[in-house]
Amino acid sequence: MNQAHTAITVALSSLLLLGAAGTAQAGERKDVEKCYGVAKTGKNDCKTLSNACAGHSMEDGQKDAFIALPKGSCERIIGGSLEAPRADAK
């Protein structure tokens, strides 16, 4: 592997790790909240009841997919919910 390829690989890996760390912390930060049911397809911030990775929601507005938004924003969005659906809900 040449130096340019190695540098690109390291840079991309670092970006992926930073993105994953930011997503994990989003739910723990005090200035943001998890907003369920408003993420676009493939734009959710964390795992859902039906998949294990961020960015894998299957449809717009998937009820178990969330995105991190500034506090107070979710309840102002049609379809937004601060509550995750229960695993046994259909």
PDB file of N, CA and C in Angstrom:
ATOM      1  N   MET A   1       0.845  -1.161   0.000  1.00  0.00           N
ATOM      2  CA  MET A   1       0.000   0.000   0.000  1.00  0.00           C
ATOM      3  C   MET A   1       0.902   1.238   0.000  1.00  0.00           C
ATOM      4  N   ASN A   2       0.607   2.196  -0.860  1.00  0.00           N
ATOM      5  CA  ASN A   2       1.442   3.394  -0.902  1.00  0.00           C
ATOM      6  C   ASN A   2       1.007   4.402   0.155  1.00  0.00           C
ATOM      7  N   GLN A   3       1.816   5.437   0.359  1.00  0.00           N
ATOM      8  CA  GLN A   3       1.559   6.404   1.429  1.00  0.00           C
ATOM      9  C   GLN A   3       0.252   7.175   1.230  1.00  0.00           C
ATOM     10  N   ALA A   4      -0.063   7.518  -0.002  1.00  0.00           N
ATOM     11  CA  ALA A   4      -1.297   8.261  -0.270  1.00  0.00           C
ATOM     12  C   ALA A   4      -2.518   7.408   0.093  1.00  0.00           C
ATOM     13  N   HIS A   5      -2.497   6.155  -0.291  1.00  0.00           N
ATOM     14  CA  HIS A   5      -3.597   5.249   0.018  1.00  0.00           C
ATOM     15  C   HIS A   5      -3.731   5.073   1.527  1.00  0.00           C
ATOM     16  N   THR A   6      -2.625   4.935   2.221  1.00  0.00           N
ATOM     17  CA  THR A   6      -2.640   4.792   3.683  1.00  0.00           C
ATOM     18  C   THR A   6      -3.216   6.045   4.334  1.00  0.00           C
ATOM     19  N   ALA A   7      -2.813   7.217   3.869  1.00  0.00           N
ATOM     20  CA  ALA A   7      -3.303   8.471   4.436  1.00  0.00           C
ATOM     21  C   ALA A   7      -4.810   8.616   4.233  1.00  0.00           C
ATOM     22  N   ILE A   8      -5.283   8.251   3.067  1.00  0.00           N
ATOM     23  CA  ILE A   8      -6.724   8.325   2.784  1.00  0.00           C
ATOM     24  C   ILE A   8      -7.482   7.352   3.671  1.00  0.00           C
ATOM     25  N   THR A   9      -6.972   6.143   3.820  1.00  0.00           N
ATOM     26  CA  THR A   9      -7.613   5.142   4.669  1.00  0.00           C
ATOM     27  C   THR A   9      -7.703   5.605   6.118  1.00  0.00           C
ATOM     28  N   VAL A  10      -6.617   6.172   6.627  1.00  0.00           N
ATOM     29  CA  VAL A  10      -6.596   6.680   8.008  1.00  0.00           C
ATOM     30  C   VAL A  10      -7.584   7.839   8.158  1.00  0.00           C
ATOM     31  N   ALA A  11      -7.622   8.745   7.200  1.00  0.00           N
ATOM     32  CA  ALA A  11      -8.525   9.895   7.273  1.00  0.00           C
ATOM     33  C   ALA A  11      -9.983   9.451   7.268  1.00  0.00           C
ATOM     34  N   LEU A  12     -10.336   8.529   6.381  1.00  0.00           N
ATOM     35  CA  LEU A  12     -11.714   8.043   6.322  1.00  0.00           C
ATOM     36  C   LEU A  12     -12.093   7.288   7.593  1.00  0.00           C
ATOM     37  N   SER A  13     -11.198   6.493   8.113  1.00  0.00           N
ATOM     38  CA  SER A  13     -11.456   5.765   9.357  1.00  0.00           C
ATOM     39  C   SER A  13     -11.693   6.735  10.506  1.00  0.00           C
ATOM     40  N   SER A  14     -10.900   7.784  10.565  1.00  0.00           N
ATOM     41  CA  SER A  14     -11.057   8.788  11.619  1.00  0.00           C
ATOM     42  C   SER A  14     -12.415   9.480  11.533  1.00  0.00           C
ATOM     43  N   LEU A  15     -12.839   9.819  10.315  1.00  0.00           N
ATOM     44  CA  LEU A  15     -14.146  10.451  10.140  1.00  0.00           C
ATOM     45  C   LEU A  15     -15.271   9.528  10.579  1.00  0.00           C
ATOM     46  N   LEU A  16     -15.174   8.259  10.237  1.00  0.00           N
ATOM     47  CA  LEU A  16     -16.201   7.295  10.645  1.00  0.00           C
ATOM     48  C   LEU A  16     -16.265   7.163  12.160  1.00  0.00           C
ATOM     49  N   LEU A  17     -15.112   7.113  12.806  1.00  0.00           N
ATOM     50  CA  LEU A  17     -15.085   7.006  14.263  1.00  0.00           C
ATOM     51  C   LEU A  17     -15.652   8.259  14.924  1.00  0.00           C
ATOM     52  N   LEU A  18     -15.326   9.429  14.398  1.00  0.00           N
ATOM     53  CA  LEU A  18     -15.857  10.672  14.953  1.00  0.00           C
ATOM     54  C   LEU A  18     -17.369  10.737  14.792  1.00  0.00           C
ATOM     55  N   GLY A  19     -17.865  10.298  13.653  1.00  0.00           N
ATOM     56  CA  GLY A  19     -19.312  10.275  13.428  1.00  0.00           C
ATOM     57  C   GLY A  19     -20.014   9.332  14.375  1.00  0.00           C
ATOM     58  N   ALA A  20     -19.444   8.156  14.590  1.00  0.00           N
ATOM     59  CA  ALA A  20     -20.037   7.186  15.514  1.00  0.00           C
ATOM     60  C   ALA A  20     -20.009   7.719  16.937  1.00  0.00           C
ATOM     61  N   ALA A  21     -18.939   8.368  17.329  1.00  0.00           N
ATOM     62  CA  ALA A  21     -18.841   8.926  18.679  1.00  0.00           C
ATOM     63  C   ALA A  21     -19.858  10.047  18.861  1.00  0.00           C
ATOM     64  N   GLY A  22     -20.026  10.873  17.863  1.00  0.00           N
ATOM     65  CA  GLY A  22     -21.003  11.957  17.947  1.00  0.00           C
ATOM     66  C   GLY A  22     -22.415  11.435  18.054  1.00  0.00           C
ATOM     67  N   THR A  23     -22.736  10.374  17.329  1.00  0.00           N
ATOM     68  CA  THR A  23     -24.058   9.773  17.398  1.00  0.00           C
ATOM     69  C   THR A  23     -24.300   9.174  18.766  1.00  0.00           C
ATOM     70  N   ALA A  24     -23.312   8.490  19.327  1.00  0.00           N
ATOM     71  CA  ALA A  24     -23.471   7.876  20.646  1.00  0.00           C
ATOM     72  C   ALA A  24     -23.681   8.941  21.711  1.00  0.00           C
ATOM     73  N   GLN A  25     -23.018  10.071  21.586  1.00  0.00           N
ATOM     74  CA  GLN A  25     -23.129  11.119  22.582  1.00  0.00           C
ATOM     75  C   GLN A  25     -24.380  11.962  22.407  1.00  0.00           C
ATOM     76  N   ALA A  26     -24.971  11.946  21.231  1.00  0.00           N
ATOM     77  CA  ALA A  26     -26.126  12.799  20.967  1.00  0.00           C
ATOM     78  C   ALA A  26     -27.270  12.510  21.927  1.00  0.00           C
ATOM     79  N   GLY A  27     -27.498  11.259  22.228  1.00  0.00           N
ATOM     80  CA  GLY A  27     -28.570  10.907  23.138  1.00  0.00           C
ATOM     81  C   GLY A  27     -28.258  11.235  24.579  1.00  0.00           C
ATOM     82  N   GLU A  28     -27.003  11.496  24.911  1.00  0.00           N
ATOM     83  CA  GLU A  28     -26.596  11.784  26.279  1.00  0.00           C
ATOM     84  C   GLU A  28     -26.416  13.273  26.545  1.00  0.00           C
ATOM     85  N   ARG A  29     -26.339  14.080  25.520  1.00  0.00           N
ATOM     86  CA  ARG A  29     -26.145  15.516  25.702  1.00  0.00           C
ATOM     87  C   ARG A  29     -27.413  16.156  26.233  1.00  0.00           C
ATOM     88  N   LYS A  30     -27.264  17.181  27.042  1.00  0.00           N
ATOM     89  CA  LYS A  30     -28.405  17.833  27.665  1.00  0.00           C
ATOM     90  C   LYS A  30     -29.111  18.815  26.735  1.00  0.00           C
ATOM     91  N   ASP A  31     -28.450  19.258  25.672  1.00  0.00           N
ATOM     92  CA  ASP A  31     -29.055  20.252  24.791  1.00  0.00           C
ATOM     93  C   ASP A  31     -29.741  19.639  23.567  1.00  0.00           C
ATOM     94  N   VAL A  32     -29.765  18.318  23.484  1.00  0.00           N
ATOM     95  CA  VAL A  32     -30.438  17.645  22.384  1.00  0.00           C
ATOM     96  C   VAL A  32     -31.391  16.592  22.927  1.00  0.00           C
ATOM     97  N   GLU A  33     -32.327  16.183  22.068  1.00  0.00           N
ATOM     98  CA  GLU A  33     -33.274  15.138  22.428  1.00  0.00           C
ATOM     99  C   GLU A  33     -33.437  14.188  21.251  1.00  0.00           C
ATOM    100  N   LYS A  34     -33.809  12.957  21.550  1.00  0.00           N
ATOM    101  CA  LYS A  34     -34.088  11.975  20.522  1.00  0.00           C
ATOM    102  C   LYS A  34     -35.499  12.216  20.018  1.00  0.00           C
ATOM    103  N   CYS A  35     -35.634  12.388  18.709  1.00  0.00           N
ATOM    104  CA  CYS A  35     -36.937  12.624  18.097  1.00  0.00           C
ATOM    105  C   CYS A  35     -37.258  11.448  17.182  1.00  0.00           C
ATOM    106  N   TYR A  36     -38.249  10.671  17.565  1.00  0.00           N
ATOM    107  CA  TYR A  36     -38.642   9.469  16.832  1.00  0.00           C
ATOM    108  C   TYR A  36     -39.698   9.796  15.778  1.00  0.00           C
ATOM    109  N   GLY A  37     -39.638   9.061  14.668  1.00  0.00           N
ATOM    110  CA  GLY A  37     -40.684   9.145  13.654  1.00  0.00           C
ATOM    111  C   GLY A  37     -40.532  10.242  12.626  1.00  0.00           C
ATOM    112  N   VAL A  38     -39.406  10.929  12.586  1.00  0.00           N
ATOM    113  CA  VAL A  38     -39.254  12.022  11.616  1.00  0.00           C
ATOM    114  C   VAL A  38     -38.044  11.852  10.689  1.00  0.00           C
ATOM    115  N   ALA A  39     -37.220  10.845  10.930  1.00  0.00           N
ATOM    116  CA  ALA A  39     -36.010  10.665  10.109  1.00  0.00           C
ATOM    117  C   ALA A  39     -36.374  10.237   8.681  1.00  0.00           C
ATOM    118  N   LYS A  40     -35.641  10.746   7.736  1.00  0.00           N
ATOM    119  CA  LYS A  40     -35.780  10.304   6.347  1.00  0.00           C
ATOM    120  C   LYS A  40     -35.134   8.932   6.185  1.00  0.00           C
ATOM    121  N   THR A  41     -35.486   8.234   5.143  1.00  0.00           N
ATOM    122  CA  THR A  41     -34.923   6.922   4.870  1.00  0.00           C
ATOM    123  C   THR A  41     -33.396   6.980   4.886  1.00  0.00           C
ATOM    124  N   GLY A  42     -32.788   6.109   5.702  1.00  0.00           N
ATOM    125  CA  GLY A  42     -31.337   6.024   5.773  1.00  0.00           C
ATOM    126  C   GLY A  42     -30.651   7.158   6.502  1.00  0.00           C
ATOM    127  N   LYS A  43     -31.389   8.013   7.195  1.00  0.00           N
ATOM    128  CA  LYS A  43     -30.794   9.176   7.857  1.00  0.00           C
ATOM    129  C   LYS A  43     -30.960   9.144   9.376  1.00  0.00           C
ATOM    130  N   ASN A  44     -31.339   7.994   9.941  1.00  0.00           N
ATOM    131  CA  ASN A  44     -31.504   7.909  11.396  1.00  0.00           C
ATOM    132  C   ASN A  44     -30.150   7.936  12.096  1.00  0.00           C
ATOM    133  N   ASP A  45     -30.153   8.332  13.373  1.00  0.00           N
ATOM    134  CA  ASP A  45     -28.911   8.499  14.118  1.00  0.00           C
ATOM    135  C   ASP A  45     -28.448   7.264  14.886  1.00  0.00           C
ATOM    136  N   CYS A  46     -29.280   6.297  15.081  1.00  0.00           N
ATOM    137  CA  CYS A  46     -28.858   5.134  15.861  1.00  0.00           C
ATOM    138  C   CYS A  46     -29.696   3.923  15.472  1.00  0.00           C
ATOM    139  N   LYS A  47     -29.428   2.791  16.119  1.00  0.00           N
ATOM    140  CA  LYS A  47     -30.149   1.567  15.790  1.00  0.00           C
ATOM    141  C   LYS A  47     -31.645   1.723  16.035  1.00  0.00           C
ATOM    142  N   THR A  48     -32.410   0.852  15.417  1.00  0.00           N
ATOM    143  CA  THR A  48     -33.857   0.835  15.574  1.00  0.00           C
ATOM    144  C   THR A  48     -34.275  -0.555  16.040  1.00  0.00           C
ATOM    145  N   LEU A  49     -35.559  -0.765  16.194  1.00  0.00           N
ATOM    146  CA  LEU A  49     -36.048  -2.094  16.556  1.00  0.00           C
ATOM    147  C   LEU A  49     -35.818  -3.094  15.425  1.00  0.00           C
ATOM    148  N   SER A  50     -35.711  -2.589  14.185  1.00  0.00           N
ATOM    149  CA  SER A  50     -35.599  -3.483  13.035  1.00  0.00           C
ATOM    150  C   SER A  50     -34.202  -3.542  12.405  1.00  0.00           C
ATOM    151  N   ASN A  51     -33.238  -2.753  12.896  1.00  0.00           N
ATOM    152  CA  ASN A  51     -31.865  -2.845  12.399  1.00  0.00           C
ATOM    153  C   ASN A  51     -30.906  -2.358  13.474  1.00  0.00           C
ATOM    154  N   ALA A  52     -29.629  -2.656  13.286  1.00  0.00           N
ATOM    155  CA  ALA A  52     -28.644  -2.418  14.346  1.00  0.00           C
ATOM    156  C   ALA A  52     -27.684  -1.261  14.087  1.00  0.00           C
ATOM    157  N   CYS A  53     -27.916  -0.477  13.039  1.00  0.00           N
ATOM    158  CA  CYS A  53     -26.951   0.568  12.711  1.00  0.00           C
ATOM    159  C   CYS A  53     -27.624   1.891  12.389  1.00  0.00           C
ATOM    160  N   ALA A  54     -26.897   2.965  12.638  1.00  0.00           N
ATOM    161  CA  ALA A  54     -27.347   4.284  12.204  1.00  0.00           C
ATOM    162  C   ALA A  54     -27.359   4.324  10.682  1.00  0.00           C
ATOM    163  N   GLY A  55     -28.255   5.104  10.125  1.00  0.00           N
ATOM    164  CA  GLY A  55     -28.310   5.256   8.674  1.00  0.00           C
ATOM    165  C   GLY A  55     -28.955   4.106   7.939  1.00  0.00           C
ATOM    166  N   HIS A  56     -29.711   3.265   8.636  1.00  0.00           N
ATOM    167  CA  HIS A  56     -30.331   2.113   7.991  1.00  0.00           C
ATOM    168  C   HIS A  56     -31.845   2.080   8.134  1.00  0.00           C
ATOM    169  N   SER A  57     -32.472   3.204   8.430  1.00  0.00           N
ATOM    170  CA  SER A  57     -33.932   3.188   8.494  1.00  0.00           C
ATOM    171  C   SER A  57     -34.472   2.858   7.108  1.00  0.00           C
ATOM    172  N   MET A  58     -35.581   2.156   7.092  1.00  0.00           N
ATOM    173  CA  MET A  58     -36.115   1.601   5.845  1.00  0.00           C
ATOM    174  C   MET A  58     -37.129   2.497   5.138  1.00  0.00           C
ATOM    175  N   GLU A  59     -37.670   3.485   5.851  1.00  0.00           N
ATOM    176  CA  GLU A  59     -38.686   4.348   5.246  1.00  0.00           C
ATOM    177  C   GLU A  59     -38.698   5.706   5.938  1.00  0.00           C
ATOM    178  N   ASP A  60     -39.205   6.698   5.240  1.00  0.00           N
ATOM    179  CA  ASP A  60     -39.377   8.016   5.841  1.00  0.00           C
ATOM    180  C   ASP A  60     -40.355   7.898   7.004  1.00  0.00           C
ATOM    181  N   GLY A  61     -40.035   8.540   8.122  1.00  0.00           N
ATOM    182  CA  GLY A  61     -40.946   8.564   9.254  1.00  0.00           C
ATOM    183  C   GLY A  61     -41.062   7.259  10.013  1.00  0.00           C
ATOM    184  N   GLN A  62     -40.092   6.381   9.851  1.00  0.00           N
ATOM    185  CA  GLN A  62     -40.123   5.090  10.561  1.00  0.00           C
ATOM    186  C   GLN A  62     -40.237   5.370  12.061  1.00  0.00           C
ATOM    187  N   LYS A  63     -41.235   4.796  12.710  1.00  0.00           N
ATOM    188  CA  LYS A  63     -41.580   5.138  14.096  1.00  0.00           C
ATOM    189  C   LYS A  63     -40.479   4.820  15.106  1.00  0.00           C
ATOM    190  N   ASP A  64     -39.644   3.812  14.853  1.00  0.00           N
ATOM    191  CA  ASP A  64     -38.603   3.441  15.819  1.00  0.00           C
ATOM    192  C   ASP A  64     -37.242   4.049  15.505  1.00  0.00           C
ATOM    193  N   ALA A  65     -37.154   4.866  14.462  1.00  0.00           N
ATOM    194  CA  ALA A  65     -35.898   5.526  14.092  1.00  0.00           C
ATOM    195  C   ALA A  65     -35.902   6.952  14.647  1.00  0.00           C
ATOM    196  N   PHE A  66     -34.752   7.380  15.201  1.00  0.00           N
ATOM    197  CA  PHE A  66     -34.696   8.736  15.734  1.00  0.00           C
ATOM    198  C   PHE A  66     -33.548   9.520  15.133  1.00  0.00           C
ATOM    199  N   ILE A  67     -33.669  10.838  15.255  1.00  0.00           N
ATOM    200  CA  ILE A  67     -32.569  11.747  14.968  1.00  0.00           C
ATOM    201  C   ILE A  67     -32.429  12.657  16.188  1.00  0.00           C
ATOM    202  N   ALA A  68     -31.229  13.110  16.450  1.00  0.00           N
ATOM    203  CA  ALA A  68     -30.972  14.009  17.572  1.00  0.00           C
ATOM    204  C   ALA A  68     -31.241  15.441  17.108  1.00  0.00           C
ATOM    205  N   LEU A  69     -32.099  16.128  17.843  1.00  0.00           N
ATOM    206  CA  LEU A  69     -32.473  17.502  17.522  1.00  0.00           C
ATOM    207  C   LEU A  69     -32.285  18.390  18.746  1.00  0.00           C
ATOM    208  N   PRO A  70     -32.154  19.692  18.542  1.00  0.00           N
ATOM    209  CA  PRO A  70     -32.088  20.595  19.699  1.00  0.00           C
ATOM    210  C   PRO A  70     -33.353  20.451  20.553  1.00  0.00           C
ATOM    211  N   LYS A  71     -33.176  20.517  21.864  1.00  0.00           N
ATOM    212  CA  LYS A  71     -34.317  20.392  22.791  1.00  0.00           C
ATOM    213  C   LYS A  71     -35.434  21.347  22.400  1.00  0.00           C
ATOM    214  N   GLY A  72     -36.666  20.845  22.465  1.00  0.00           N
ATOM    215  CA  GLY A  72     -37.844  21.641  22.149  1.00  0.00           C
ATOM    216  C   GLY A  72     -38.246  21.598  20.690  1.00  0.00           C
ATOM    217  N   SER A  73     -37.433  21.008  19.831  1.00  0.00           N
ATOM    218  CA  SER A  73     -37.734  20.977  18.396  1.00  0.00           C
ATOM    219  C   SER A  73     -38.673  19.847  18.017  1.00  0.00           C
ATOM    220  N   CYS A  74     -38.507  18.696  18.634  1.00  0.00           N
ATOM    221  CA  CYS A  74     -39.238  17.501  18.213  1.00  0.00           C
ATOM    222  C   CYS A  74     -40.746  17.685  18.299  1.00  0.00           C
ATOM    223  N   GLU A  75     -41.209  18.213  19.419  1.00  0.00           N
ATOM    224  CA  GLU A  75     -42.651  18.336  19.596  1.00  0.00           C
ATOM    225  C   GLU A  75     -43.275  19.364  18.660  1.00  0.00           C
ATOM    226  N   ARG A  76     -42.462  20.109  17.947  1.00  0.00           N
ATOM    227  CA  ARG A  76     -42.964  21.089  16.981  1.00  0.00           C
ATOM    228  C   ARG A  76     -43.043  20.503  15.576  1.00  0.00           C
ATOM    229  N   ILE A  77     -42.595  19.266  15.391  1.00  0.00           N
ATOM    230  CA  ILE A  77     -42.590  18.620  14.079  1.00  0.00           C
ATOM    231  C   ILE A  77     -43.740  17.626  14.006  1.00  0.00           C
ATOM    232  N   ILE A  78     -44.538  17.695  12.958  1.00  0.00           N
ATOM    233  CA  ILE A  78     -45.646  16.760  12.779  1.00  0.00           C
ATOM    234  C   ILE A  78     -45.085  15.350  12.678  1.00  0.00           C
ATOM    235  N   GLY A  79     -45.595  14.462  13.505  1.00  0.00           N
ATOM    236  CA  GLY A  79     -45.150  13.070  13.512  1.00  0.00           C
ATOM    237  C   GLY A  79     -44.012  12.798  14.475  1.00  0.00           C
ATOM    238  N   GLY A  80     -43.427  13.848  15.039  1.00  0.00           N
ATOM    239  CA  GLY A  80     -42.315  13.688  15.967  1.00  0.00           C
ATOM    240  C   GLY A  80     -42.783  13.222  17.334  1.00  0.00           C
ATOM    241  N   SER A  81     -41.990  12.348  17.945  1.00  0.00           N
ATOM    242  CA  SER A  81     -42.317  11.831  19.269  1.00  0.00           C
ATOM    243  C   SER A  81     -41.046  11.711  20.096  1.00  0.00           C
ATOM    244  N   LEU A  82     -41.133  12.087  21.368  1.00  0.00           N
ATOM    245  CA  LEU A  82     -40.001  11.935  22.278  1.00  0.00           C
ATOM    246  C   LEU A  82     -39.959  10.534  22.863  1.00  0.00           C
ATOM    247  N   GLU A  83     -40.975   9.749  22.613  1.00  0.00           N
ATOM    248  CA  GLU A  83     -41.088   8.386  23.148  1.00  0.00           C
ATOM    249  C   GLU A  83     -40.779   7.367  22.047  1.00  0.00           C
ATOM    250  N   ALA A  84     -39.939   6.403  22.383  1.00  0.00           N
ATOM    251  CA  ALA A  84     -39.672   5.299  21.454  1.00  0.00           C
ATOM    252  C   ALA A  84     -40.860   4.346  21.483  1.00  0.00           C
ATOM    253  N   PRO A  85     -41.225   3.765  20.342  1.00  0.00           N
ATOM    254  CA  PRO A  85     -42.305   2.788  20.361  1.00  0.00           C
ATOM    255  C   PRO A  85     -41.870   1.544  21.138  1.00  0.00           C
ATOM    256  N   ARG A  86     -42.809   0.883  21.740  1.00  0.00           N
ATOM    257  CA  ARG A  86     -42.500  -0.350  22.460  1.00  0.00           C
ATOM    258  C   ARG A  86     -42.171  -1.457  21.469  1.00  0.00           C
ATOM    259  N   ALA A  87     -41.335  -2.369  21.874  1.00  0.00           N
ATOM    260  CA  ALA A  87     -40.908  -3.472  21.004  1.00  0.00           C
ATOM    261  C   ALA A  87     -42.076  -4.352  20.601  1.00  0.00           C
ATOM    262  N   ASP A  88     -43.092  -4.478  21.452  1.00  0.00           N
ATOM    263  CA  ASP A  88     -44.223  -5.345  21.138  1.00  0.00           C
ATOM    264  C   ASP A  88     -45.364  -4.607  20.431  1.00  0.00           C
ATOM    265  N   ALA A  89     -45.208  -3.303  20.182  1.00  0.00           N
ATOM    266  CA  ALA A  89     -46.241  -2.525  19.482  1.00  0.00           C
ATOM    267  C   ALA A  89     -46.187  -2.837  17.997  1.00  0.00           C
ATOM    268  N   LYS A  90     -47.333  -2.850  17.361  1.00  0.00           N
ATOM    269  CA  LYS A  90     -47.383  -3.153  15.929  1.00  0.00           C
ATOM    270  C   LYS A  90     -47.708  -1.926  15.132  1.00  0.00           C
TER     271      LYS A  90
END
